[in-house]
Structure formats: C-alpha cells, structure tokens
C-alpha cells in the first residue's frame, strides 16, 4: 500500500490550478491535436525536437512524457523561469503561457505529440573524464537510474540521450539557485541539494561525460 500511495502521489501534478493524473509514461493526449500547436516550439527546439545549443533549447524528443508535462506546468505556474539571470527560462515561461496552452488538455496534447517525435542521437560536445564521472554518478543513479533512464516515481527525467551541453547548463542553474528555488518544486529542490556533490565545473563535465557513455 505504501508503494501504491507513492506512485499515485507521483501522478498528481498541479496544472494551471487543476490536478491532472499523469501516471502513464505516455500522457493521455491527442498527438494530432498537439501537432497543430507544435510550430510554436520549432523556432527553438527544432522540427524534430532535437534542440538547439545556439538557442539554449534542450532536446525534448525522447524525454519521458511525465517530465515534459511537469516542466511546462512549472513554467506556467512560476516554479521555473522567474529568477533574475535566467533569460532562457524567462523566455520559455512566456511561451508556456500562450493562449493555446492554457488548458490541461492542450498541454497533454502537445506533450503527446512531442512524445511521438523520433529520438535522434546526440553529438557529444562536452570534454570530461568519464571514469571520474562514473565514480560520482551513483549519487545521480538513486533518482535517475543506473542507465540514466529516468524514474517517474522520483520525478527524475531521463538523462541519456539529452544534449550534454544542456545537462551541464542545468547543473549550473541549480547551483546558482536559478532552478529548484520554489517550495512547490520538490524534485527541483532535491536536485539543487544534490549538486553540492559537484563542486567544480570539471566535476560537472566528468559526470556528464559518463552519462554520454551510457548512450
């Protein structure tokens, strides 16, 4: 019963003032309807959701659907993209509040379409010592999984397949307090605390280099 309660609680996420059940890995939405909204996202995330380093936009194809949905909700509700200096976050927060994305159904439809995009492989850009990163990764594996596959019950996104430059950028944002600052962002606050184990830019590069090796 304790496990069931944990899973059920993990599936209840605040969305525009309403509670939406997103237990399934695939968010119950209409991908065809979501496709009509996706052009709003292409200028930064690309036609296939592969992201753009020049735009500071992550790869969103291949990510677990529950996490994509939750981050959109966080941007809408002020849990992300409101801290000074986080210009990309502020831009994404503004985009998430567009008139076509105001309902939970619209978000679910968009995420369903994003989840249907091809999961293209990334080209590594980070130089680091993967062997050193491997020794640091068990701290990450507790939530993100031994293979970086993600874990919905722990509110942890998939790491493998994500652009390495973006992973490093987000680690730095957590350390600066630009993510995980809101009391309602429990997963983000936990992640912010965990970044204390990575004390230098080099250590961040090393652990991300190891994550790259898991691909």
N, C-alpha and C. Protein backbone atom coordinates (compact mmCIF):
# COMPACT_ATOMS: atom_id res chain seq x y z
N UNK A 1 0.82 -1.21 0.00
CA UNK A 1 0.00 0.00 0.00
C UNK A 1 0.86 1.26 0.00
N UNK A 2 2.00 1.21 0.74
CA UNK A 2 2.86 2.38 0.77
C UNK A 2 3.39 2.68 -0.62
N UNK A 3 3.80 1.63 -1.36
CA UNK A 3 4.31 1.84 -2.72
C UNK A 3 3.23 2.41 -3.62
N UNK A 4 2.01 1.84 -3.50
CA UNK A 4 0.91 2.32 -4.33
C UNK A 4 0.62 3.78 -4.04
N UNK A 5 0.64 4.17 -2.76
CA UNK A 5 0.38 5.56 -2.39
C UNK A 5 1.45 6.47 -2.98
N UNK A 6 2.72 6.02 -2.95
CA UNK A 6 3.81 6.83 -3.50
C UNK A 6 3.62 7.05 -4.99
N UNK A 7 3.26 5.98 -5.71
CA UNK A 7 3.09 6.08 -7.15
C UNK A 7 1.92 6.99 -7.49
N UNK A 8 0.82 6.84 -6.74
CA UNK A 8 -0.35 7.68 -7.00
C UNK A 8 -0.03 9.14 -6.75
N UNK A 9 0.68 9.44 -5.66
CA UNK A 9 1.04 10.82 -5.37
C UNK A 9 1.95 11.38 -6.44
N UNK A 10 2.84 10.52 -7.00
CA UNK A 10 3.74 10.98 -8.06
C UNK A 10 2.97 11.34 -9.31
N UNK A 11 1.76 10.75 -9.46
CA UNK A 11 0.99 11.01 -10.66
C UNK A 11 0.07 12.20 -10.57
N UNK A 12 0.01 12.87 -9.42
CA UNK A 12 -0.85 14.02 -9.27
C UNK A 12 -0.02 15.28 -9.31
N UNK A 13 -0.13 16.01 -10.38
CA UNK A 13 0.71 17.18 -10.59
C UNK A 13 -0.16 18.39 -10.85
N UNK A 14 0.19 19.50 -10.24
CA UNK A 14 -0.58 20.72 -10.39
C UNK A 14 -0.46 21.26 -11.80
N UNK A 15 -1.58 21.50 -12.45
CA UNK A 15 -1.57 22.02 -13.81
C UNK A 15 -2.58 23.13 -13.91
N UNK A 16 -2.07 24.37 -13.98
CA UNK A 16 -2.93 25.53 -14.13
C UNK A 16 -4.06 25.54 -13.11
N UNK A 17 -3.72 25.20 -11.85
CA UNK A 17 -4.71 25.24 -10.79
C UNK A 17 -5.56 23.99 -10.70
N UNK A 18 -5.32 22.99 -11.56
CA UNK A 18 -6.11 21.78 -11.52
C UNK A 18 -5.17 20.59 -11.32
N UNK A 19 -5.72 19.48 -10.80
CA UNK A 19 -4.95 18.28 -10.62
C UNK A 19 -5.18 17.36 -11.81
N UNK A 20 -4.08 16.90 -12.41
CA UNK A 20 -4.17 16.05 -13.59
C UNK A 20 -3.40 14.77 -13.32
N UNK A 21 -3.98 13.64 -13.62
CA UNK A 21 -3.31 12.37 -13.44
C UNK A 21 -2.42 12.09 -14.64
N UNK A 22 -1.10 11.96 -14.39
CA UNK A 22 -0.16 11.69 -15.48
C UNK A 22 0.70 10.49 -15.11
N UNK A 23 0.05 9.45 -14.54
CA UNK A 23 0.81 8.27 -14.15
C UNK A 23 1.45 7.57 -15.34
N UNK A 24 0.75 7.51 -16.46
CA UNK A 24 1.26 6.77 -17.60
C UNK A 24 2.49 7.45 -18.18
N UNK A 25 3.43 6.63 -18.69
CA UNK A 25 4.61 7.19 -19.33
C UNK A 25 4.20 8.03 -20.53
N UNK A 26 3.17 7.59 -21.23
CA UNK A 26 2.64 8.38 -22.33
C UNK A 26 1.45 9.17 -21.82
N UNK A 27 1.58 10.49 -21.80
CA UNK A 27 0.49 11.33 -21.31
C UNK A 27 -0.73 11.13 -22.20
N UNK A 28 -1.91 10.90 -21.61
CA UNK A 28 -3.11 10.68 -22.42
C UNK A 28 -3.54 11.96 -23.11
N UNK A 29 -3.07 12.15 -24.30
CA UNK A 29 -3.41 13.33 -25.08
C UNK A 29 -3.56 12.96 -26.54
N UNK A 30 -4.01 13.90 -27.32
CA UNK A 30 -4.23 13.71 -28.75
C UNK A 30 -3.02 14.27 -29.51
N UNK A 31 -2.16 13.39 -29.99
CA UNK A 31 -0.94 13.82 -30.67
C UNK A 31 -1.26 14.62 -31.92
N UNK A 32 -2.33 14.27 -32.62
CA UNK A 32 -2.70 15.02 -33.83
C UNK A 32 -3.06 16.45 -33.48
N UNK A 33 -3.80 16.63 -32.38
CA UNK A 33 -4.14 17.99 -31.94
C UNK A 33 -2.89 18.72 -31.48
N UNK A 34 -1.99 18.00 -30.83
CA UNK A 34 -0.75 18.61 -30.36
C UNK A 34 0.14 19.06 -31.50
N UNK A 35 0.09 18.34 -32.61
CA UNK A 35 0.91 18.70 -33.77
C UNK A 35 0.58 20.10 -34.27
N UNK A 36 -0.68 20.48 -34.17
CA UNK A 36 -1.08 21.80 -34.66
C UNK A 36 -0.52 22.92 -33.78
N UNK A 37 -0.15 22.59 -32.54
CA UNK A 37 0.43 23.59 -31.65
C UNK A 37 1.95 23.62 -31.68
N UNK A 38 2.54 22.54 -32.16
CA UNK A 38 3.99 22.40 -32.06
C UNK A 38 4.78 23.45 -32.85
N UNK A 39 4.29 24.03 -33.94
CA UNK A 39 5.06 25.08 -34.61
C UNK A 39 5.52 26.20 -33.69
N UNK A 40 4.80 26.43 -32.57
CA UNK A 40 5.24 27.43 -31.59
C UNK A 40 6.60 27.08 -31.00
N UNK A 41 6.91 25.79 -31.00
CA UNK A 41 8.12 25.30 -30.34
C UNK A 41 9.31 25.17 -31.30
N UNK A 42 9.06 25.10 -32.60
CA UNK A 42 10.10 24.73 -33.54
C UNK A 42 11.23 25.74 -33.66
N UNK A 43 10.94 27.02 -33.44
CA UNK A 43 11.99 28.03 -33.61
C UNK A 43 13.14 27.81 -32.64
N UNK A 44 12.87 27.18 -31.50
CA UNK A 44 13.93 26.90 -30.53
C UNK A 44 14.28 25.41 -30.49
N UNK A 45 13.26 24.56 -30.40
CA UNK A 45 13.50 23.13 -30.18
C UNK A 45 13.66 22.33 -31.47
N UNK A 46 13.36 22.95 -32.60
CA UNK A 46 13.53 22.27 -33.87
C UNK A 46 12.32 21.46 -34.28
N UNK A 47 12.25 21.17 -35.57
CA UNK A 47 11.11 20.45 -36.14
C UNK A 47 10.97 19.07 -35.51
N UNK A 48 12.10 18.42 -35.23
CA UNK A 48 12.07 17.07 -34.66
C UNK A 48 12.34 17.06 -33.15
N UNK A 49 12.32 18.24 -32.52
CA UNK A 49 12.52 18.29 -31.08
C UNK A 49 13.94 18.00 -30.65
N UNK A 50 14.90 18.18 -31.56
CA UNK A 50 16.29 17.83 -31.25
C UNK A 50 17.04 18.94 -30.53
N UNK A 51 16.40 20.11 -30.37
CA UNK A 51 17.00 21.19 -29.60
C UNK A 51 17.98 22.02 -30.40
N UNK A 52 18.49 23.08 -29.77
CA UNK A 52 19.44 23.98 -30.41
C UNK A 52 20.33 24.61 -29.36
N UNK A 53 21.62 24.36 -29.46
CA UNK A 53 22.55 24.95 -28.50
C UNK A 53 22.59 26.47 -28.67
N UNK A 54 22.51 26.93 -29.91
CA UNK A 54 22.54 28.37 -30.17
C UNK A 54 21.37 29.08 -29.49
N UNK A 55 20.24 28.39 -29.39
CA UNK A 55 19.05 28.96 -28.76
C UNK A 55 18.94 28.59 -27.29
N UNK A 56 19.87 27.76 -26.81
CA UNK A 56 19.80 27.32 -25.42
C UNK A 56 18.61 26.42 -25.16
N UNK A 57 18.11 25.76 -26.22
CA UNK A 57 16.89 24.94 -26.11
C UNK A 57 17.25 23.47 -26.06
N UNK A 58 16.74 22.73 -25.07
CA UNK A 58 17.10 21.32 -24.94
C UNK A 58 16.44 20.44 -25.98
N UNK A 59 16.97 19.26 -26.10
CA UNK A 59 16.34 18.20 -26.88
C UNK A 59 15.14 17.71 -26.08
N UNK A 60 13.96 17.76 -26.67
CA UNK A 60 12.76 17.33 -25.96
C UNK A 60 12.23 16.01 -26.49
N UNK A 61 12.64 15.60 -27.68
CA UNK A 61 12.27 14.28 -28.17
C UNK A 61 13.01 13.24 -27.34
N UNK A 62 12.34 12.13 -27.05
CA UNK A 62 12.95 11.06 -26.28
C UNK A 62 12.86 11.23 -24.78
N UNK A 63 12.39 12.39 -24.32
CA UNK A 63 12.25 12.61 -22.89
C UNK A 63 10.98 11.92 -22.39
N UNK A 64 10.96 11.52 -21.13
CA UNK A 64 9.77 10.90 -20.56
C UNK A 64 8.63 11.92 -20.55
N UNK A 65 7.46 11.47 -20.96
CA UNK A 65 6.33 12.38 -21.14
C UNK A 65 5.92 13.07 -19.84
N UNK A 66 5.96 12.34 -18.73
CA UNK A 66 5.53 12.96 -17.47
C UNK A 66 6.41 14.16 -17.13
N UNK A 67 7.70 14.07 -17.46
CA UNK A 67 8.62 15.14 -17.11
C UNK A 67 8.43 16.35 -18.02
N UNK A 68 8.22 16.11 -19.30
CA UNK A 68 7.95 17.21 -20.23
C UNK A 68 6.71 17.98 -19.78
N UNK A 69 5.68 17.25 -19.43
CA UNK A 69 4.45 17.89 -18.97
C UNK A 69 4.69 18.69 -17.69
N UNK A 70 5.39 18.08 -16.74
CA UNK A 70 5.59 18.75 -15.46
C UNK A 70 6.39 20.04 -15.61
N UNK A 71 7.39 20.03 -16.50
CA UNK A 71 8.18 21.25 -16.67
C UNK A 71 7.36 22.36 -17.32
N UNK A 72 6.50 22.01 -18.26
CA UNK A 72 5.61 23.02 -18.83
C UNK A 72 4.72 23.61 -17.73
N UNK A 73 4.22 22.77 -16.86
CA UNK A 73 3.39 23.25 -15.76
C UNK A 73 4.19 24.14 -14.81
N UNK A 74 5.44 23.75 -14.56
CA UNK A 74 6.30 24.58 -13.69
C UNK A 74 6.51 25.96 -14.30
N UNK A 75 6.76 26.01 -15.59
CA UNK A 75 6.94 27.30 -16.25
C UNK A 75 5.65 28.13 -16.16
N UNK A 76 4.52 27.50 -16.36
CA UNK A 76 3.25 28.21 -16.29
C UNK A 76 2.96 28.75 -14.89
N UNK A 77 3.33 27.98 -13.88
CA UNK A 77 2.94 28.32 -12.51
C UNK A 77 4.02 29.05 -11.72
N UNK A 78 5.11 29.46 -12.41
CA UNK A 78 6.13 30.26 -11.75
C UNK A 78 7.16 29.46 -10.97
N UNK A 79 7.18 28.16 -11.14
CA UNK A 79 8.17 27.32 -10.45
C UNK A 79 9.49 27.29 -11.21
N UNK A 80 9.49 27.75 -12.43
CA UNK A 80 10.71 27.91 -13.24
C UNK A 80 10.58 29.20 -14.04
N UNK A 81 11.72 29.77 -14.39
CA UNK A 81 11.74 30.91 -15.30
C UNK A 81 11.35 32.23 -14.69
N UNK A 82 11.59 32.40 -13.38
CA UNK A 82 11.26 33.69 -12.76
C UNK A 82 12.45 34.32 -12.04
N UNK A 83 13.61 33.68 -12.07
CA UNK A 83 14.78 34.18 -11.34
C UNK A 83 15.64 35.06 -12.24
N UNK A 84 16.11 36.17 -11.71
CA UNK A 84 16.97 37.08 -12.47
C UNK A 84 18.19 36.34 -13.02
N UNK A 85 18.50 36.61 -14.26
CA UNK A 85 19.66 36.00 -14.90
C UNK A 85 19.32 34.78 -15.73
N UNK A 86 18.15 34.20 -15.51
CA UNK A 86 17.74 33.02 -16.28
C UNK A 86 16.92 33.47 -17.48
N UNK A 87 17.60 34.05 -18.45
CA UNK A 87 16.90 34.63 -19.59
C UNK A 87 16.17 33.57 -20.43
N UNK A 88 16.83 32.42 -20.63
CA UNK A 88 16.18 31.36 -21.41
C UNK A 88 14.96 30.81 -20.68
N UNK A 89 15.08 30.70 -19.36
CA UNK A 89 13.93 30.25 -18.58
C UNK A 89 12.78 31.22 -18.64
N UNK A 90 13.08 32.50 -18.58
CA UNK A 90 12.04 33.51 -18.67
C UNK A 90 11.36 33.47 -20.04
N UNK A 91 12.15 33.23 -21.08
CA UNK A 91 11.59 33.15 -22.43
C UNK A 91 10.64 31.96 -22.53
N UNK A 92 11.07 30.82 -21.96
CA UNK A 92 10.23 29.63 -22.01
C UNK A 92 8.97 29.81 -21.17
N UNK A 93 9.09 30.50 -20.05
CA UNK A 93 7.92 30.76 -19.20
C UNK A 93 6.88 31.57 -19.98
N UNK A 94 7.35 32.56 -20.72
CA UNK A 94 6.43 33.38 -21.51
C UNK A 94 5.75 32.55 -22.60
N UNK A 95 6.53 31.69 -23.26
CA UNK A 95 5.97 30.86 -24.32
C UNK A 95 4.94 29.88 -23.77
N UNK A 96 5.16 29.37 -22.55
CA UNK A 96 4.26 28.37 -21.99
C UNK A 96 2.90 28.95 -21.62
N UNK A 97 2.82 30.27 -21.54
CA UNK A 97 1.58 30.92 -21.15
C UNK A 97 0.79 31.45 -22.33
N UNK A 98 1.13 30.98 -23.52
CA UNK A 98 0.40 31.39 -24.71
C UNK A 98 -1.05 30.96 -24.64
N UNK A 99 -1.93 31.66 -25.36
CA UNK A 99 -3.37 31.39 -25.27
C UNK A 99 -3.76 29.98 -25.66
N UNK A 100 -2.95 29.31 -26.49
CA UNK A 100 -3.31 27.97 -26.94
C UNK A 100 -2.90 26.89 -25.94
N UNK A 101 -2.16 27.28 -24.91
CA UNK A 101 -1.66 26.29 -23.95
C UNK A 101 -2.26 26.47 -22.56
N UNK A 102 -3.38 27.12 -22.47
CA UNK A 102 -3.93 27.46 -21.15
C UNK A 102 -4.64 26.29 -20.47
N UNK A 103 -5.13 25.33 -21.22
CA UNK A 103 -5.88 24.24 -20.61
C UNK A 103 -5.00 23.01 -20.39
N UNK A 104 -5.30 22.20 -19.38
CA UNK A 104 -4.56 20.95 -19.18
C UNK A 104 -4.63 20.04 -20.40
N UNK A 105 -5.77 20.06 -21.09
CA UNK A 105 -5.93 19.22 -22.28
C UNK A 105 -4.95 19.64 -23.37
N UNK A 106 -4.77 20.94 -23.54
CA UNK A 106 -3.86 21.43 -24.56
C UNK A 106 -2.42 21.00 -24.26
N UNK A 107 -2.03 21.10 -22.99
CA UNK A 107 -0.68 20.67 -22.62
C UNK A 107 -0.50 19.18 -22.87
N UNK A 108 -1.51 18.39 -22.50
CA UNK A 108 -1.42 16.94 -22.70
C UNK A 108 -1.31 16.61 -24.18
N UNK A 109 -2.04 17.33 -25.02
CA UNK A 109 -1.98 17.09 -26.47
C UNK A 109 -0.60 17.43 -27.02
N UNK A 110 -0.05 18.56 -26.58
CA UNK A 110 1.27 18.96 -27.05
C UNK A 110 2.33 17.94 -26.64
N UNK A 111 2.26 17.50 -25.39
CA UNK A 111 3.24 16.53 -24.90
C UNK A 111 3.09 15.19 -25.63
N UNK A 112 1.86 14.81 -25.94
CA UNK A 112 1.64 13.58 -26.69
C UNK A 112 2.32 13.66 -28.06
N UNK A 113 2.25 14.82 -28.70
CA UNK A 113 2.91 14.96 -29.99
C UNK A 113 4.43 14.95 -29.84
N UNK A 114 4.94 15.67 -28.85
CA UNK A 114 6.39 15.68 -28.61
C UNK A 114 6.89 14.26 -28.37
N UNK A 115 6.11 13.46 -27.65
CA UNK A 115 6.50 12.09 -27.35
C UNK A 115 6.52 11.21 -28.60
N UNK A 116 5.83 11.65 -29.65
CA UNK A 116 5.80 10.86 -30.89
C UNK A 116 6.97 11.18 -31.82
N UNK A 117 7.76 12.21 -31.48
CA UNK A 117 8.86 12.62 -32.35
C UNK A 117 10.00 11.60 -32.28
N UNK A 118 10.76 11.45 -33.37
CA UNK A 118 11.87 10.49 -33.38
C UNK A 118 12.96 10.87 -32.39
N UNK A 119 13.46 9.89 -31.67
CA UNK A 119 14.51 10.12 -30.67
C UNK A 119 15.87 10.03 -31.36
N UNK A 120 16.32 11.15 -31.89
CA UNK A 120 17.58 11.17 -32.63
C UNK A 120 18.77 11.21 -31.68
N UNK A 121 19.86 10.57 -32.07
CA UNK A 121 21.04 10.53 -31.22
C UNK A 121 21.72 11.89 -31.21
N UNK A 122 22.43 12.18 -30.11
CA UNK A 122 23.11 13.47 -29.96
C UNK A 122 24.58 13.34 -30.36
N UNK A 123 25.19 14.48 -30.61
CA UNK A 123 26.63 14.54 -30.83
C UNK A 123 27.28 15.12 -29.59
N UNK A 124 28.14 14.36 -28.89
CA UNK A 124 28.74 14.88 -27.66
C UNK A 124 29.56 16.15 -27.91
N UNK A 125 29.47 17.09 -26.99
CA UNK A 125 30.23 18.33 -27.10
C UNK A 125 31.09 18.58 -25.85
N UNK A 126 30.80 17.87 -24.77
CA UNK A 126 31.49 18.09 -23.50
C UNK A 126 32.72 17.19 -23.39
N UNK A 127 33.85 17.79 -23.06
CA UNK A 127 35.07 17.03 -22.81
C UNK A 127 35.19 16.81 -21.31
N UNK A 128 35.24 15.58 -20.89
CA UNK A 128 35.37 15.26 -19.48
C UNK A 128 35.94 13.88 -19.29
N UNK A 129 36.26 13.55 -18.05
CA UNK A 129 36.83 12.25 -17.72
C UNK A 129 35.69 11.34 -17.27
N UNK A 130 35.26 10.46 -18.16
CA UNK A 130 34.12 9.60 -17.87
C UNK A 130 34.39 8.66 -16.70
N UNK A 131 35.65 8.25 -16.51
CA UNK A 131 35.97 7.36 -15.40
C UNK A 131 35.76 8.06 -14.06
N UNK A 132 36.13 9.35 -13.99
CA UNK A 132 35.88 10.12 -12.77
C UNK A 132 34.38 10.35 -12.60
N UNK A 133 33.72 10.60 -13.71
CA UNK A 133 32.28 10.81 -13.66
C UNK A 133 31.54 9.58 -13.18
N UNK A 134 32.04 8.40 -13.54
CA UNK A 134 31.41 7.15 -13.11
C UNK A 134 31.43 7.01 -11.60
N UNK A 135 32.50 7.46 -10.96
CA UNK A 135 32.60 7.35 -9.50
C UNK A 135 31.64 8.32 -8.81
N UNK A 136 31.28 9.40 -9.49
CA UNK A 136 30.35 10.38 -8.91
C UNK A 136 28.90 10.05 -9.23
N UNK A 137 28.65 9.23 -10.25
CA UNK A 137 27.30 9.03 -10.76
C UNK A 137 26.36 8.27 -9.82
N UNK A 138 26.83 7.39 -8.93
CA UNK A 138 25.87 6.70 -8.05
C UNK A 138 24.94 7.63 -7.29
N UNK A 139 25.38 8.82 -6.97
CA UNK A 139 24.50 9.80 -6.32
C UNK A 139 23.33 10.14 -7.24
N UNK A 140 23.61 10.22 -8.55
CA UNK A 140 22.59 10.55 -9.55
C UNK A 140 21.67 9.35 -9.80
N UNK A 141 22.29 8.15 -9.78
CA UNK A 141 21.55 6.93 -10.11
C UNK A 141 20.40 6.66 -9.15
N UNK A 142 20.51 7.16 -7.93
CA UNK A 142 19.46 6.93 -6.94
C UNK A 142 18.11 7.43 -7.44
N UNK A 143 18.11 8.49 -8.24
CA UNK A 143 16.86 9.02 -8.80
C UNK A 143 16.74 8.75 -10.30
N UNK A 144 17.83 8.97 -11.03
CA UNK A 144 17.77 8.93 -12.49
C UNK A 144 17.97 7.53 -13.06
N UNK A 145 18.37 6.57 -12.22
CA UNK A 145 18.56 5.21 -12.70
C UNK A 145 19.99 4.93 -13.10
N UNK A 146 20.37 3.65 -13.02
CA UNK A 146 21.75 3.24 -13.30
C UNK A 146 22.16 3.57 -14.73
N UNK A 147 21.20 3.57 -15.66
CA UNK A 147 21.48 3.86 -17.05
C UNK A 147 20.98 5.24 -17.46
N UNK A 148 20.64 6.07 -16.48
CA UNK A 148 20.15 7.41 -16.79
C UNK A 148 18.81 7.41 -17.46
N UNK A 149 18.02 6.35 -17.19
CA UNK A 149 16.75 6.17 -17.90
C UNK A 149 15.61 7.00 -17.33
N UNK A 150 15.80 7.58 -16.15
CA UNK A 150 14.75 8.37 -15.52
C UNK A 150 13.84 7.52 -14.65
N UNK A 151 13.08 8.18 -13.79
CA UNK A 151 12.23 7.47 -12.84
C UNK A 151 11.07 8.39 -12.47
N UNK A 152 9.89 8.03 -12.92
CA UNK A 152 8.72 8.88 -12.68
C UNK A 152 8.40 8.99 -11.20
N UNK A 153 8.54 7.88 -10.45
CA UNK A 153 8.22 7.91 -9.03
C UNK A 153 9.11 8.88 -8.27
N UNK A 154 10.33 9.13 -8.78
CA UNK A 154 11.26 10.06 -8.15
C UNK A 154 11.25 11.42 -8.84
N UNK A 155 10.32 11.61 -9.79
CA UNK A 155 10.22 12.87 -10.55
C UNK A 155 11.51 13.19 -11.29
N UNK A 156 12.24 12.15 -11.69
CA UNK A 156 13.56 12.31 -12.31
C UNK A 156 13.49 12.10 -13.82
N UNK A 157 14.00 13.04 -14.61
CA UNK A 157 13.97 12.91 -16.06
C UNK A 157 14.98 11.90 -16.58
N UNK A 158 14.79 11.50 -17.79
CA UNK A 158 15.79 10.71 -18.50
C UNK A 158 16.98 11.61 -18.80
N UNK A 159 18.19 11.10 -18.55
CA UNK A 159 19.41 11.85 -18.82
C UNK A 159 20.09 11.39 -20.10
N UNK A 160 20.09 10.08 -20.35
CA UNK A 160 20.72 9.57 -21.56
C UNK A 160 19.95 10.07 -22.78
N UNK A 161 20.68 10.45 -23.78
CA UNK A 161 20.07 10.98 -24.99
C UNK A 161 19.87 12.47 -24.97
N UNK A 162 20.04 13.10 -23.79
CA UNK A 162 19.90 14.55 -23.70
C UNK A 162 21.20 15.22 -24.13
N UNK A 163 21.09 16.40 -24.70
CA UNK A 163 22.27 17.16 -25.11
C UNK A 163 23.15 17.44 -23.91
N UNK A 164 24.46 17.08 -24.03
CA UNK A 164 25.34 17.20 -22.87
C UNK A 164 25.57 18.65 -22.44
N UNK A 165 25.60 19.57 -23.39
CA UNK A 165 25.78 20.99 -23.03
C UNK A 165 24.61 21.48 -22.19
N UNK A 166 23.42 20.93 -22.46
CA UNK A 166 22.24 21.34 -21.70
C UNK A 166 22.30 20.78 -20.28
N UNK A 167 22.76 19.54 -20.14
CA UNK A 167 22.88 18.96 -18.81
C UNK A 167 23.82 19.78 -17.93
N UNK A 168 24.95 20.18 -18.49
CA UNK A 168 25.90 21.00 -17.74
C UNK A 168 25.28 22.34 -17.39
N UNK A 169 24.61 22.94 -18.35
CA UNK A 169 23.97 24.25 -18.11
C UNK A 169 22.95 24.17 -16.98
N UNK A 170 22.20 23.07 -16.92
CA UNK A 170 21.18 22.94 -15.87
C UNK A 170 21.81 22.68 -14.51
N UNK A 171 22.89 21.90 -14.47
CA UNK A 171 23.61 21.72 -13.20
C UNK A 171 24.06 23.07 -12.64
N UNK A 172 24.55 23.93 -13.53
CA UNK A 172 25.00 25.25 -13.10
C UNK A 172 23.83 26.10 -12.63
N UNK A 173 22.68 25.98 -13.28
CA UNK A 173 21.49 26.74 -12.85
C UNK A 173 21.02 26.29 -11.47
N UNK A 174 21.07 24.99 -11.23
CA UNK A 174 20.69 24.51 -9.90
C UNK A 174 21.64 25.07 -8.84
N UNK A 175 22.93 25.08 -9.14
CA UNK A 175 23.89 25.59 -8.16
C UNK A 175 23.72 27.08 -7.91
N UNK A 176 23.31 27.82 -8.94
CA UNK A 176 23.11 29.26 -8.81
C UNK A 176 21.77 29.62 -8.17
N UNK A 177 20.91 28.63 -8.03
CA UNK A 177 19.57 28.91 -7.49
C UNK A 177 18.59 29.37 -8.54
N UNK A 178 18.91 29.17 -9.81
CA UNK A 178 18.00 29.55 -10.88
C UNK A 178 17.01 28.43 -11.20
N UNK A 179 17.23 27.27 -10.63
CA UNK A 179 16.27 26.18 -10.66
C UNK A 179 16.19 25.58 -9.27
N UNK A 180 15.06 25.00 -8.94
CA UNK A 180 14.88 24.39 -7.64
C UNK A 180 14.71 25.38 -6.51
N UNK A 181 14.26 26.58 -6.84
CA UNK A 181 14.13 27.65 -5.85
C UNK A 181 12.74 27.73 -5.24
N UNK A 182 11.75 27.12 -5.88
CA UNK A 182 10.37 27.26 -5.42
C UNK A 182 10.01 26.12 -4.48
N UNK A 183 9.32 26.44 -3.39
CA UNK A 183 8.97 25.43 -2.40
C UNK A 183 8.12 24.31 -2.98
N UNK A 184 7.34 24.60 -4.01
CA UNK A 184 6.47 23.59 -4.60
C UNK A 184 7.19 22.70 -5.61
N UNK A 185 8.42 23.06 -5.97
CA UNK A 185 9.19 22.25 -6.92
C UNK A 185 10.04 21.27 -6.12
N UNK A 186 9.42 20.22 -5.62
CA UNK A 186 10.09 19.30 -4.72
C UNK A 186 11.26 18.58 -5.41
N UNK A 187 11.02 18.11 -6.64
CA UNK A 187 12.09 17.46 -7.36
C UNK A 187 13.24 18.40 -7.65
N UNK A 188 12.91 19.63 -8.00
CA UNK A 188 13.95 20.63 -8.28
C UNK A 188 14.75 20.98 -7.04
N UNK A 189 14.09 21.09 -5.91
CA UNK A 189 14.78 21.41 -4.66
C UNK A 189 15.72 20.27 -4.26
N UNK A 190 15.27 19.05 -4.49
CA UNK A 190 16.13 17.91 -4.20
C UNK A 190 17.36 17.92 -5.11
N UNK A 191 17.13 18.22 -6.38
CA UNK A 191 18.23 18.27 -7.33
C UNK A 191 19.21 19.39 -6.99
N UNK A 192 18.69 20.50 -6.56
CA UNK A 192 19.55 21.62 -6.18
C UNK A 192 20.48 21.22 -5.03
N UNK A 193 19.94 20.46 -4.08
CA UNK A 193 20.77 20.00 -2.96
C UNK A 193 21.84 19.01 -3.43
N UNK A 194 21.48 18.16 -4.39
CA UNK A 194 22.41 17.13 -4.85
C UNK A 194 23.59 17.73 -5.62
N UNK A 195 23.41 18.89 -6.23
CA UNK A 195 24.52 19.49 -6.98
C UNK A 195 25.66 19.91 -6.07
N UNK A 196 25.43 19.91 -4.76
CA UNK A 196 26.52 20.22 -3.82
C UNK A 196 27.64 19.20 -3.91
N UNK A 197 27.33 18.01 -4.45
CA UNK A 197 28.36 16.97 -4.59
C UNK A 197 29.29 17.25 -5.77
N UNK A 198 28.90 18.19 -6.63
CA UNK A 198 29.73 18.56 -7.80
C UNK A 198 30.24 19.97 -7.56
N UNK A 199 31.46 20.05 -7.09
CA UNK A 199 31.97 21.33 -6.59
C UNK A 199 32.64 22.19 -7.65
N UNK A 200 33.01 21.61 -8.79
CA UNK A 200 33.71 22.36 -9.82
C UNK A 200 33.07 22.12 -11.18
N UNK A 201 33.37 23.02 -12.12
CA UNK A 201 32.91 22.82 -13.50
C UNK A 201 33.47 21.52 -14.06
N UNK A 202 34.71 21.20 -13.69
CA UNK A 202 35.34 19.98 -14.17
C UNK A 202 34.57 18.74 -13.71
N UNK A 203 34.13 18.74 -12.46
CA UNK A 203 33.38 17.59 -11.95
C UNK A 203 32.04 17.45 -12.66
N UNK A 204 31.41 18.56 -13.03
CA UNK A 204 30.17 18.50 -13.81
C UNK A 204 30.43 17.91 -15.18
N UNK A 205 31.50 18.35 -15.82
CA UNK A 205 31.84 17.82 -17.14
C UNK A 205 32.11 16.32 -17.07
N UNK A 206 32.76 15.90 -15.99
CA UNK A 206 33.11 14.48 -15.85
C UNK A 206 31.85 13.61 -15.73
N UNK A 207 30.90 14.03 -14.91
CA UNK A 207 29.72 13.21 -14.72
C UNK A 207 28.86 13.20 -15.98
N UNK A 208 28.84 14.33 -16.70
CA UNK A 208 28.08 14.37 -17.96
C UNK A 208 28.78 13.54 -19.04
N UNK A 209 30.09 13.51 -19.02
CA UNK A 209 30.83 12.66 -19.94
C UNK A 209 30.48 11.19 -19.69
N UNK A 210 30.33 10.83 -18.42
CA UNK A 210 29.93 9.46 -18.10
C UNK A 210 28.51 9.18 -18.59
N UNK A 211 27.62 10.14 -18.41
CA UNK A 211 26.25 9.97 -18.90
C UNK A 211 26.26 9.77 -20.42
N UNK A 212 27.13 10.51 -21.11
CA UNK A 212 27.27 10.31 -22.56
C UNK A 212 27.67 8.88 -22.88
N UNK A 213 28.51 8.28 -22.05
CA UNK A 213 28.97 6.92 -22.32
C UNK A 213 27.85 5.90 -22.17
N UNK A 214 26.80 6.24 -21.43
CA UNK A 214 25.68 5.33 -21.26
C UNK A 214 24.84 5.23 -22.52
N UNK A 215 24.98 6.20 -23.42
CA UNK A 215 24.21 6.14 -24.68
C UNK A 215 24.60 4.96 -25.53
